[in-house]
Amino acid sequence: MPTTMTLKNIPDDLYERLKMAAQAHRRSINGEAIVCLETVLSPSRTGPAERIERARRLREGLAAGFSATAIDGLKRADRP
């Protein structure tokens, strides 16, 4: 059975960021808090090879078809 937890004295700016993230991900604030906790507290079991393969699949799925050279150029660009 899930446990209930109450958080007290959350700084206003942190609460606002959580609220904005929840809206962006179409989740409740509670749901967003759970995802944040899971992300931080759950160990990552993905090895380097699997991460690289996932990045390649994501890149292949981009409609714009960014090349590695274009991505590198954007990373190095002087952006405000």
Protein backbone atom coordinates (compact mmCIF):
# COMPACT_ATOMS: atom_id res chain seq x y z
CA MET A 1 0.00 0.00 0.00
CA PRO A 2 1.41 3.44 -0.91
CA THR A 3 2.52 5.68 1.92
CA THR A 4 1.36 9.26 2.35
CA MET A 5 3.94 11.96 3.01
CA THR A 6 3.47 15.63 3.87
CA LEU A 7 6.17 18.16 3.03
CA LYS A 8 6.45 21.30 5.13
CA ASN A 9 8.34 24.56 4.68
CA ILE A 10 8.93 24.15 0.95
CA PRO A 11 10.64 27.32 -0.33
CA ASP A 12 8.31 29.34 -2.57
CA ASP A 13 10.68 29.29 -5.54
CA LEU A 14 11.08 25.50 -5.34
CA TYR A 15 7.31 25.02 -5.17
CA GLU A 16 6.82 27.27 -8.20
CA ARG A 17 9.41 25.31 -10.19
CA LEU A 18 7.70 22.04 -9.22
CA LYS A 19 4.33 23.49 -10.20
CA MET A 20 5.65 24.68 -13.58
CA ALA A 21 7.28 21.30 -14.26
CA ALA A 22 4.02 19.54 -13.38
CA GLN A 23 2.10 21.73 -15.81
CA ALA A 24 4.69 21.17 -18.55
CA HIS A 25 4.47 17.39 -18.10
CA ARG A 26 0.66 17.39 -17.64
CA ARG A 27 0.93 15.91 -14.16
CA SER A 28 -0.38 16.82 -10.76
CA ILE A 29 2.09 18.43 -8.39
CA ASN A 30 2.06 15.20 -6.39
CA GLY A 31 2.78 13.14 -9.51
CA GLU A 32 5.62 15.43 -10.51
CA ALA A 33 7.13 15.22 -7.02
CA ILE A 34 7.03 11.41 -7.21
CA VAL A 35 8.75 11.41 -10.62
CA CYS A 36 11.42 13.80 -9.28
CA LEU A 37 12.05 11.59 -6.26
CA GLU A 38 12.20 8.45 -8.40
CA THR A 39 14.65 10.11 -10.78
CA VAL A 40 17.00 11.11 -7.98
CA LEU A 41 16.67 8.09 -5.72
CA SER A 42 16.38 5.19 -8.17
CA PRO A 43 19.72 3.88 -9.33
CA SER A 44 20.37 4.07 -13.04
CA ARG A 45 20.99 0.63 -14.44
CA THR A 46 21.68 1.79 -17.96
CA GLY A 47 25.18 1.10 -19.15
CA PRO A 48 27.18 3.38 -21.45
CA ALA A 49 26.56 1.24 -24.53
CA GLU A 50 22.81 1.30 -23.96
CA ARG A 51 22.84 5.08 -23.46
CA ILE A 52 24.77 5.59 -26.69
CA GLU A 53 22.38 3.33 -28.59
CA ARG A 54 19.38 5.20 -27.16
CA ALA A 55 20.93 8.54 -28.19
CA ARG A 56 21.44 7.21 -31.72
CA ARG A 57 17.82 6.06 -31.94
CA LEU A 58 16.60 9.44 -30.66
CA ARG A 59 18.78 11.28 -33.18
CA GLU A 60 17.48 9.11 -36.03
CA GLY A 61 13.93 9.97 -35.01
CA LEU A 62 14.44 13.73 -35.27
CA ALA A 63 12.48 15.21 -38.14
CA ALA A 64 15.19 17.78 -38.89
CA GLY A 65 17.89 15.13 -39.21
CA PHE A 66 20.63 16.96 -37.33
CA SER A 67 24.09 15.63 -38.11
CA ALA A 68 26.75 15.16 -35.44
CA THR A 69 28.66 18.07 -36.99
CA ALA A 70 25.61 20.35 -36.81
CA ILE A 71 24.94 19.39 -33.20
CA ASP A 72 28.58 20.03 -32.28
CA GLY A 73 28.42 23.43 -33.98
CA LEU A 74 25.29 24.38 -32.04
CA LYS A 75 26.91 23.35 -28.76
CA ARG A 76 29.90 25.56 -29.49
CA ALA A 77 27.89 28.53 -30.79
CA ASP A 78 27.94 31.71 -28.76
CA ARG A 79 24.35 31.88 -27.56
CA PRO A 80 22.92 34.51 -25.19
